[in-house]
N, C-alpha and C. Protein backbone atom coordinates (compact mmCIF):
# COMPACT_ATOMS: atom_id res chain seq x y z
N MET A 1 0.85 -1.17 0.00
CA MET A 1 0.00 0.00 0.00
C MET A 1 0.89 1.23 0.00
N ALA A 2 0.53 2.20 -0.78
CA ALA A 2 1.31 3.42 -0.88
C ALA A 2 1.14 4.26 0.37
N ARG A 3 2.22 4.87 0.78
CA ARG A 3 2.14 5.79 1.92
C ARG A 3 1.59 7.13 1.43
N PRO A 4 0.97 7.89 2.35
CA PRO A 4 0.48 9.20 1.94
C PRO A 4 1.62 10.03 1.38
N GLY A 5 1.37 10.75 0.37
CA GLY A 5 2.35 11.54 -0.35
C GLY A 5 1.73 11.85 -1.69
N ARG A 6 2.15 11.14 -2.71
CA ARG A 6 1.52 11.25 -4.02
C ARG A 6 0.83 9.93 -4.30
N MET A 7 -0.48 9.93 -4.29
CA MET A 7 -1.23 8.69 -4.44
C MET A 7 -2.48 8.93 -5.28
N SER A 8 -3.10 7.83 -5.67
CA SER A 8 -4.33 7.91 -6.44
C SER A 8 -5.53 7.85 -5.50
N ASN A 9 -6.74 7.96 -6.05
CA ASN A 9 -7.94 7.87 -5.23
C ASN A 9 -8.06 6.51 -4.56
N LEU A 10 -7.72 5.45 -5.28
CA LEU A 10 -7.80 4.11 -4.71
C LEU A 10 -6.79 3.93 -3.58
N ASP A 11 -5.57 4.46 -3.76
CA ASP A 11 -4.58 4.38 -2.69
C ASP A 11 -5.05 5.15 -1.46
N LEU A 12 -5.65 6.31 -1.67
CA LEU A 12 -6.16 7.09 -0.54
C LEU A 12 -7.31 6.36 0.14
N HIS A 13 -8.19 5.75 -0.64
CA HIS A 13 -9.30 4.99 -0.05
C HIS A 13 -8.76 3.83 0.79
N ASN A 14 -7.76 3.11 0.27
CA ASN A 14 -7.17 2.00 1.02
C ASN A 14 -6.46 2.49 2.28
N ALA A 15 -5.80 3.64 2.21
CA ALA A 15 -5.16 4.20 3.39
C ALA A 15 -6.21 4.63 4.42
N LEU A 16 -7.35 5.15 3.96
CA LEU A 16 -8.44 5.50 4.88
C LEU A 16 -9.02 4.25 5.54
N LEU A 17 -9.09 3.14 4.79
CA LEU A 17 -9.55 1.88 5.38
C LEU A 17 -8.59 1.40 6.47
N VAL A 18 -7.29 1.56 6.23
CA VAL A 18 -6.31 1.19 7.25
C VAL A 18 -6.49 2.07 8.48
N MET A 19 -6.71 3.37 8.26
CA MET A 19 -6.92 4.28 9.38
C MET A 19 -8.14 3.87 10.19
N ALA A 20 -9.24 3.54 9.52
CA ALA A 20 -10.45 3.14 10.23
C ALA A 20 -10.25 1.83 10.98
N ALA A 21 -9.52 0.90 10.39
CA ALA A 21 -9.27 -0.38 11.05
C ALA A 21 -8.40 -0.19 12.29
N VAL A 22 -7.40 0.68 12.19
CA VAL A 22 -6.53 0.95 13.34
C VAL A 22 -7.33 1.63 14.45
N HIS A 23 -8.16 2.58 14.10
CA HIS A 23 -8.97 3.26 15.12
C HIS A 23 -10.01 2.32 15.72
N ARG A 24 -10.50 1.38 14.95
CA ARG A 24 -11.46 0.41 15.47
C ARG A 24 -10.80 -0.53 16.47
N CYS A 25 -9.47 -0.72 16.37
CA CYS A 25 -8.76 -1.65 17.24
C CYS A 25 -8.31 -1.03 18.56
N TYR A 26 -8.51 0.27 18.73
CA TYR A 26 -8.14 0.85 20.02
C TYR A 26 -8.95 0.19 21.12
N PRO A 27 -8.40 0.07 22.31
CA PRO A 27 -9.15 -0.59 23.38
C PRO A 27 -10.41 0.18 23.75
N PRO A 28 -11.46 -0.52 24.15
CA PRO A 28 -12.70 0.16 24.50
C PRO A 28 -12.56 0.89 25.84
N ALA A 29 -13.53 1.73 26.13
CA ALA A 29 -13.54 2.42 27.41
C ALA A 29 -13.73 1.40 28.53
N ARG A 30 -13.02 1.59 29.61
CA ARG A 30 -13.07 0.66 30.73
C ARG A 30 -13.85 1.27 31.90
N PRO A 31 -14.27 0.45 32.84
CA PRO A 31 -14.95 0.98 34.02
C PRO A 31 -14.05 1.93 34.80
N ARG A 32 -14.65 2.90 35.46
CA ARG A 32 -13.89 3.93 36.17
C ARG A 32 -13.07 3.38 37.33
N GLU A 33 -13.48 2.24 37.89
CA GLU A 33 -12.77 1.70 39.04
C GLU A 33 -11.35 1.29 38.71
N PHE A 34 -11.07 1.00 37.43
CA PHE A 34 -9.75 0.52 37.07
C PHE A 34 -8.74 1.63 36.86
N LYS A 35 -9.18 2.87 36.86
CA LYS A 35 -8.30 4.04 36.69
C LYS A 35 -7.43 3.86 35.45
N CYS A 36 -6.13 3.59 35.64
CA CYS A 36 -5.25 3.49 34.49
C CYS A 36 -4.89 2.04 34.13
N ALA A 37 -5.31 1.07 34.92
CA ALA A 37 -5.04 -0.33 34.60
C ALA A 37 -6.04 -0.81 33.55
N TRP A 38 -5.60 -1.67 32.67
CA TRP A 38 -6.46 -2.16 31.62
C TRP A 38 -6.56 -3.68 31.66
N PRO A 39 -7.17 -4.25 32.68
CA PRO A 39 -7.31 -5.70 32.68
C PRO A 39 -8.41 -6.13 31.71
N ASP A 40 -8.44 -7.40 31.40
CA ASP A 40 -9.50 -7.92 30.54
C ASP A 40 -10.79 -7.99 31.34
N VAL A 41 -11.79 -7.26 30.88
CA VAL A 41 -13.08 -7.24 31.54
C VAL A 41 -14.00 -8.23 30.84
N LEU A 42 -14.63 -9.11 31.59
CA LEU A 42 -15.52 -10.09 31.00
C LEU A 42 -16.88 -9.44 30.76
N GLU A 43 -17.37 -9.56 29.54
CA GLU A 43 -18.66 -9.00 29.20
C GLU A 43 -19.81 -9.90 29.64
N ASP A 44 -19.54 -11.20 29.72
CA ASP A 44 -20.57 -12.18 30.03
C ASP A 44 -20.01 -13.12 31.09
N ALA A 45 -20.80 -13.41 32.13
CA ALA A 45 -20.34 -14.27 33.21
C ALA A 45 -20.05 -15.68 32.73
N ARG A 46 -20.72 -16.11 31.65
CA ARG A 46 -20.49 -17.47 31.15
C ARG A 46 -19.11 -17.62 30.52
N GLU A 47 -18.46 -16.50 30.19
CA GLU A 47 -17.13 -16.58 29.62
C GLU A 47 -16.07 -16.84 30.68
N ALA A 48 -16.39 -16.67 31.95
CA ALA A 48 -15.40 -16.77 33.01
C ALA A 48 -14.86 -18.19 33.16
N TYR A 49 -15.62 -19.19 32.85
CA TYR A 49 -15.20 -20.56 33.08
C TYR A 49 -14.81 -21.29 31.80
N GLY A 50 -14.69 -20.58 30.71
CA GLY A 50 -14.24 -21.20 29.48
C GLY A 50 -15.29 -22.00 28.75
N TYR A 51 -16.57 -21.70 28.98
CA TYR A 51 -17.62 -22.42 28.28
C TYR A 51 -17.62 -22.06 26.79
N ASN A 52 -17.32 -20.82 26.51
CA ASN A 52 -17.26 -20.37 25.12
C ASN A 52 -15.82 -20.49 24.65
N GLU A 53 -15.57 -21.38 23.72
CA GLU A 53 -14.21 -21.62 23.28
C GLU A 53 -13.82 -20.79 22.06
N THR A 54 -14.74 -20.09 21.47
CA THR A 54 -14.43 -19.32 20.27
C THR A 54 -14.03 -17.91 20.66
N ASP A 55 -12.90 -17.50 20.19
CA ASP A 55 -12.44 -16.13 20.38
C ASP A 55 -12.57 -15.41 19.05
N PRO A 56 -13.08 -14.20 19.04
CA PRO A 56 -13.18 -13.48 17.76
C PRO A 56 -11.80 -13.14 17.23
N VAL A 57 -11.63 -13.27 15.93
CA VAL A 57 -10.38 -12.91 15.30
C VAL A 57 -10.34 -11.40 15.18
N ARG A 58 -9.34 -10.80 15.77
CA ARG A 58 -9.23 -9.34 15.76
C ARG A 58 -8.10 -8.91 14.84
N PHE A 59 -8.24 -7.76 14.28
CA PHE A 59 -7.22 -7.14 13.45
C PHE A 59 -6.20 -6.51 14.39
N VAL A 60 -4.94 -6.87 14.27
CA VAL A 60 -3.88 -6.29 15.10
C VAL A 60 -2.98 -5.47 14.19
N PRO A 61 -2.99 -4.14 14.33
CA PRO A 61 -2.19 -3.31 13.44
C PRO A 61 -0.71 -3.38 13.78
N ASP A 62 0.12 -3.29 12.75
CA ASP A 62 1.55 -3.22 12.99
C ASP A 62 2.00 -1.75 12.93
N ALA A 63 3.28 -1.50 13.08
CA ALA A 63 3.80 -0.14 13.18
C ALA A 63 3.57 0.65 11.88
N ASP A 64 3.73 0.00 10.73
CA ASP A 64 3.52 0.69 9.45
C ASP A 64 2.07 1.13 9.29
N GLN A 65 1.14 0.28 9.69
CA GLN A 65 -0.27 0.64 9.57
C GLN A 65 -0.63 1.77 10.52
N ILE A 66 -0.06 1.79 11.70
CA ILE A 66 -0.32 2.89 12.64
C ILE A 66 0.26 4.18 12.09
N ASP A 67 1.44 4.11 11.46
CA ASP A 67 2.06 5.29 10.86
C ASP A 67 1.20 5.82 9.71
N ILE A 68 0.70 4.93 8.86
CA ILE A 68 -0.17 5.34 7.75
C ILE A 68 -1.44 5.97 8.30
N ALA A 69 -1.99 5.39 9.36
CA ALA A 69 -3.23 5.92 9.95
C ALA A 69 -3.01 7.34 10.48
N GLU A 70 -1.88 7.59 11.14
CA GLU A 70 -1.61 8.92 11.65
C GLU A 70 -1.44 9.94 10.54
N GLN A 71 -0.74 9.55 9.47
CA GLN A 71 -0.53 10.48 8.35
C GLN A 71 -1.84 10.79 7.64
N VAL A 72 -2.67 9.77 7.45
CA VAL A 72 -3.95 10.00 6.78
C VAL A 72 -4.87 10.83 7.67
N TRP A 73 -4.80 10.61 8.98
CA TRP A 73 -5.62 11.41 9.91
C TRP A 73 -5.24 12.88 9.83
N ARG A 74 -3.94 13.17 9.77
CA ARG A 74 -3.50 14.57 9.62
C ARG A 74 -3.95 15.14 8.28
N LEU A 75 -3.86 14.33 7.23
CA LEU A 75 -4.28 14.76 5.90
C LEU A 75 -5.77 15.05 5.87
N LEU A 76 -6.57 14.22 6.52
CA LEU A 76 -8.01 14.42 6.55
C LEU A 76 -8.39 15.63 7.40
N ASN A 77 -7.70 15.85 8.51
CA ASN A 77 -8.00 17.00 9.34
C ASN A 77 -7.60 18.32 8.70
N ALA A 78 -6.70 18.28 7.72
CA ALA A 78 -6.31 19.49 7.01
C ALA A 78 -7.33 19.89 5.95
N TYR A 79 -8.28 19.02 5.65
CA TYR A 79 -9.31 19.33 4.66
C TYR A 79 -10.24 20.40 5.24
N PRO A 80 -10.55 21.45 4.49
CA PRO A 80 -11.25 22.60 5.09
C PRO A 80 -12.73 22.39 5.43
N ASP A 81 -13.45 21.58 4.69
CA ASP A 81 -14.90 21.48 4.89
C ASP A 81 -15.22 20.41 5.94
N GLU A 82 -15.83 20.83 7.05
CA GLU A 82 -16.12 19.89 8.14
C GLU A 82 -17.18 18.86 7.75
N GLU A 83 -18.17 19.27 6.99
CA GLU A 83 -19.22 18.32 6.58
C GLU A 83 -18.64 17.23 5.69
N ASP A 84 -17.71 17.59 4.82
CA ASP A 84 -17.07 16.59 3.97
C ASP A 84 -16.19 15.64 4.78
N ARG A 85 -15.51 16.17 5.80
CA ARG A 85 -14.71 15.29 6.68
C ARG A 85 -15.61 14.29 7.40
N ARG A 86 -16.78 14.76 7.85
CA ARG A 86 -17.72 13.85 8.51
C ARG A 86 -18.24 12.79 7.55
N LEU A 87 -18.47 13.19 6.32
CA LEU A 87 -18.93 12.24 5.31
C LEU A 87 -17.88 11.17 5.07
N VAL A 88 -16.63 11.58 4.92
CA VAL A 88 -15.55 10.61 4.68
C VAL A 88 -15.42 9.66 5.87
N CYS A 89 -15.47 10.18 7.08
CA CYS A 89 -15.36 9.33 8.27
C CYS A 89 -16.53 8.35 8.37
N ALA A 90 -17.73 8.82 8.05
CA ALA A 90 -18.90 7.94 8.11
C ALA A 90 -18.80 6.82 7.06
N VAL A 91 -18.36 7.16 5.87
CA VAL A 91 -18.23 6.16 4.81
C VAL A 91 -17.17 5.13 5.17
N ILE A 92 -16.04 5.59 5.66
CA ILE A 92 -14.95 4.69 5.99
C ILE A 92 -15.30 3.80 7.19
N GLN A 93 -15.95 4.38 8.20
CA GLN A 93 -16.35 3.56 9.35
C GLN A 93 -17.40 2.52 8.97
N SER A 94 -18.23 2.84 7.97
CA SER A 94 -19.23 1.86 7.55
C SER A 94 -18.62 0.75 6.71
N ALA A 95 -17.40 0.96 6.23
CA ALA A 95 -16.74 -0.04 5.40
C ALA A 95 -15.92 -1.03 6.22
N ILE A 96 -15.84 -0.83 7.54
CA ILE A 96 -15.03 -1.69 8.41
C ILE A 96 -15.96 -2.52 9.30
N GLN A 97 -15.67 -3.80 9.42
CA GLN A 97 -16.45 -4.67 10.30
C GLN A 97 -16.02 -4.44 11.75
N ALA A 98 -16.77 -5.03 12.67
CA ALA A 98 -16.45 -4.88 14.09
C ALA A 98 -15.12 -5.52 14.44
N THR A 99 -14.69 -6.51 13.67
CA THR A 99 -13.41 -7.16 13.94
C THR A 99 -12.23 -6.35 13.42
N GLY A 100 -12.48 -5.30 12.65
CA GLY A 100 -11.41 -4.47 12.12
C GLY A 100 -11.05 -4.76 10.69
N PHE A 101 -11.64 -5.78 10.10
CA PHE A 101 -11.36 -6.09 8.71
C PHE A 101 -12.36 -5.39 7.80
N PRO A 102 -11.95 -5.01 6.59
CA PRO A 102 -12.88 -4.34 5.67
C PRO A 102 -14.00 -5.28 5.22
N ARG A 103 -15.17 -4.70 4.98
CA ARG A 103 -16.29 -5.47 4.44
C ARG A 103 -16.00 -5.83 2.99
N GLU A 104 -16.43 -7.00 2.57
CA GLU A 104 -16.20 -7.42 1.19
C GLU A 104 -17.03 -6.60 0.21
N ARG A 105 -18.20 -6.15 0.63
CA ARG A 105 -19.09 -5.43 -0.28
C ARG A 105 -18.85 -3.93 -0.26
N GLY A 106 -17.87 -3.46 0.50
CA GLY A 106 -17.55 -2.04 0.53
C GLY A 106 -18.39 -1.28 1.54
N PRO A 107 -18.38 0.03 1.44
CA PRO A 107 -19.13 0.85 2.41
C PRO A 107 -20.63 0.64 2.31
N ARG A 108 -21.30 0.93 3.39
CA ARG A 108 -22.77 0.85 3.42
C ARG A 108 -23.32 2.21 3.00
N TRP A 109 -23.48 2.38 1.71
CA TRP A 109 -23.87 3.67 1.16
C TRP A 109 -25.24 4.11 1.65
N ARG A 110 -26.17 3.19 1.72
CA ARG A 110 -27.54 3.55 2.14
C ARG A 110 -27.59 3.95 3.61
N MET A 111 -26.82 3.31 4.45
CA MET A 111 -26.79 3.68 5.86
C MET A 111 -26.21 5.09 6.04
N VAL A 112 -25.13 5.37 5.33
CA VAL A 112 -24.53 6.70 5.41
C VAL A 112 -25.49 7.74 4.83
N ALA A 113 -26.20 7.37 3.78
CA ALA A 113 -27.16 8.31 3.18
C ALA A 113 -28.28 8.64 4.16
N LYS A 114 -28.72 7.67 4.93
CA LYS A 114 -29.75 7.96 5.94
C LYS A 114 -29.21 8.88 7.02
N LEU A 115 -27.96 8.69 7.41
CA LEU A 115 -27.36 9.56 8.42
C LEU A 115 -27.21 11.00 7.91
N MET A 116 -26.89 11.14 6.63
CA MET A 116 -26.64 12.46 6.05
C MET A 116 -27.90 13.07 5.41
N HIS A 117 -28.99 12.32 5.40
CA HIS A 117 -30.26 12.78 4.81
C HIS A 117 -30.10 13.14 3.34
N ARG A 118 -29.43 12.26 2.62
CA ARG A 118 -29.23 12.43 1.19
C ARG A 118 -29.48 11.10 0.51
N ASP A 119 -29.45 11.11 -0.82
CA ASP A 119 -29.57 9.89 -1.59
C ASP A 119 -28.21 9.18 -1.60
N TRP A 120 -28.21 7.84 -1.67
CA TRP A 120 -26.96 7.10 -1.60
C TRP A 120 -26.07 7.37 -2.81
N ARG A 121 -26.67 7.66 -3.96
CA ARG A 121 -25.86 7.97 -5.14
C ARG A 121 -25.15 9.31 -4.98
N THR A 122 -25.82 10.25 -4.33
CA THR A 122 -25.20 11.55 -4.06
C THR A 122 -24.04 11.39 -3.08
N ILE A 123 -24.23 10.56 -2.06
CA ILE A 123 -23.18 10.33 -1.08
C ILE A 123 -21.96 9.69 -1.74
N LYS A 124 -22.20 8.72 -2.59
CA LYS A 124 -21.09 8.04 -3.28
C LYS A 124 -20.34 9.01 -4.19
N ARG A 125 -21.09 9.82 -4.94
CA ARG A 125 -20.46 10.78 -5.84
C ARG A 125 -19.66 11.83 -5.05
N ARG A 126 -20.25 12.32 -3.94
CA ARG A 126 -19.54 13.31 -3.11
C ARG A 126 -18.27 12.72 -2.51
N TYR A 127 -18.35 11.46 -2.06
CA TYR A 127 -17.18 10.81 -1.49
C TYR A 127 -16.05 10.71 -2.52
N GLU A 128 -16.39 10.30 -3.74
CA GLU A 128 -15.38 10.20 -4.78
C GLU A 128 -14.81 11.58 -5.13
N ASN A 129 -15.66 12.60 -5.16
CA ASN A 129 -15.18 13.95 -5.43
C ASN A 129 -14.27 14.46 -4.32
N ILE A 130 -14.60 14.14 -3.07
CA ILE A 130 -13.77 14.56 -1.95
C ILE A 130 -12.40 13.89 -2.02
N LEU A 131 -12.38 12.60 -2.35
CA LEU A 131 -11.09 11.91 -2.49
C LEU A 131 -10.25 12.53 -3.59
N THR A 132 -10.89 12.85 -4.70
CA THR A 132 -10.17 13.50 -5.80
C THR A 132 -9.62 14.85 -5.36
N ASP A 133 -10.43 15.62 -4.62
CA ASP A 133 -9.99 16.93 -4.14
C ASP A 133 -8.81 16.80 -3.17
N ILE A 134 -8.87 15.81 -2.28
CA ILE A 134 -7.76 15.63 -1.33
C ILE A 134 -6.48 15.24 -2.07
N VAL A 135 -6.61 14.36 -3.07
CA VAL A 135 -5.43 13.95 -3.84
C VAL A 135 -4.84 15.14 -4.58
N LEU A 136 -5.68 15.99 -5.14
CA LEU A 136 -5.18 17.16 -5.87
C LEU A 136 -4.57 18.21 -4.95
N ARG A 137 -5.00 18.27 -3.69
CA ARG A 137 -4.45 19.23 -2.74
C ARG A 137 -3.09 18.82 -2.19
N MET A 138 -2.71 17.53 -2.37
CA MET A 138 -1.43 17.07 -1.83
C MET A 138 -0.27 17.72 -2.55
């Protein structure tokens, strides 16, 4: 994957997917009693005794992916229009599964369109135009 610098729309889209996957892998908020310690908190009491043997496969980012995510985050925050930044973040977050891996079918255009109160074709066209604008501004 190309690092941010001089890239195409597809490279930027893939870098945004890496950014969303890395952000999805950050640890969740913990109970206040733990202060700064981060022990494993059991969500279900039945998990305490090993009755459930399946562990979800999680995406674990490496150093290069974290570096790409930080660079793309800075690049996205430098974009002047706040509504367009929100659109890009919504599209990219809808394209990532809960495990951190990208969806095979791509972003959920209709879900993002409902959030933005627009048609899904308009959202898709605006997203592509925003990516083109970001690439041209580099």
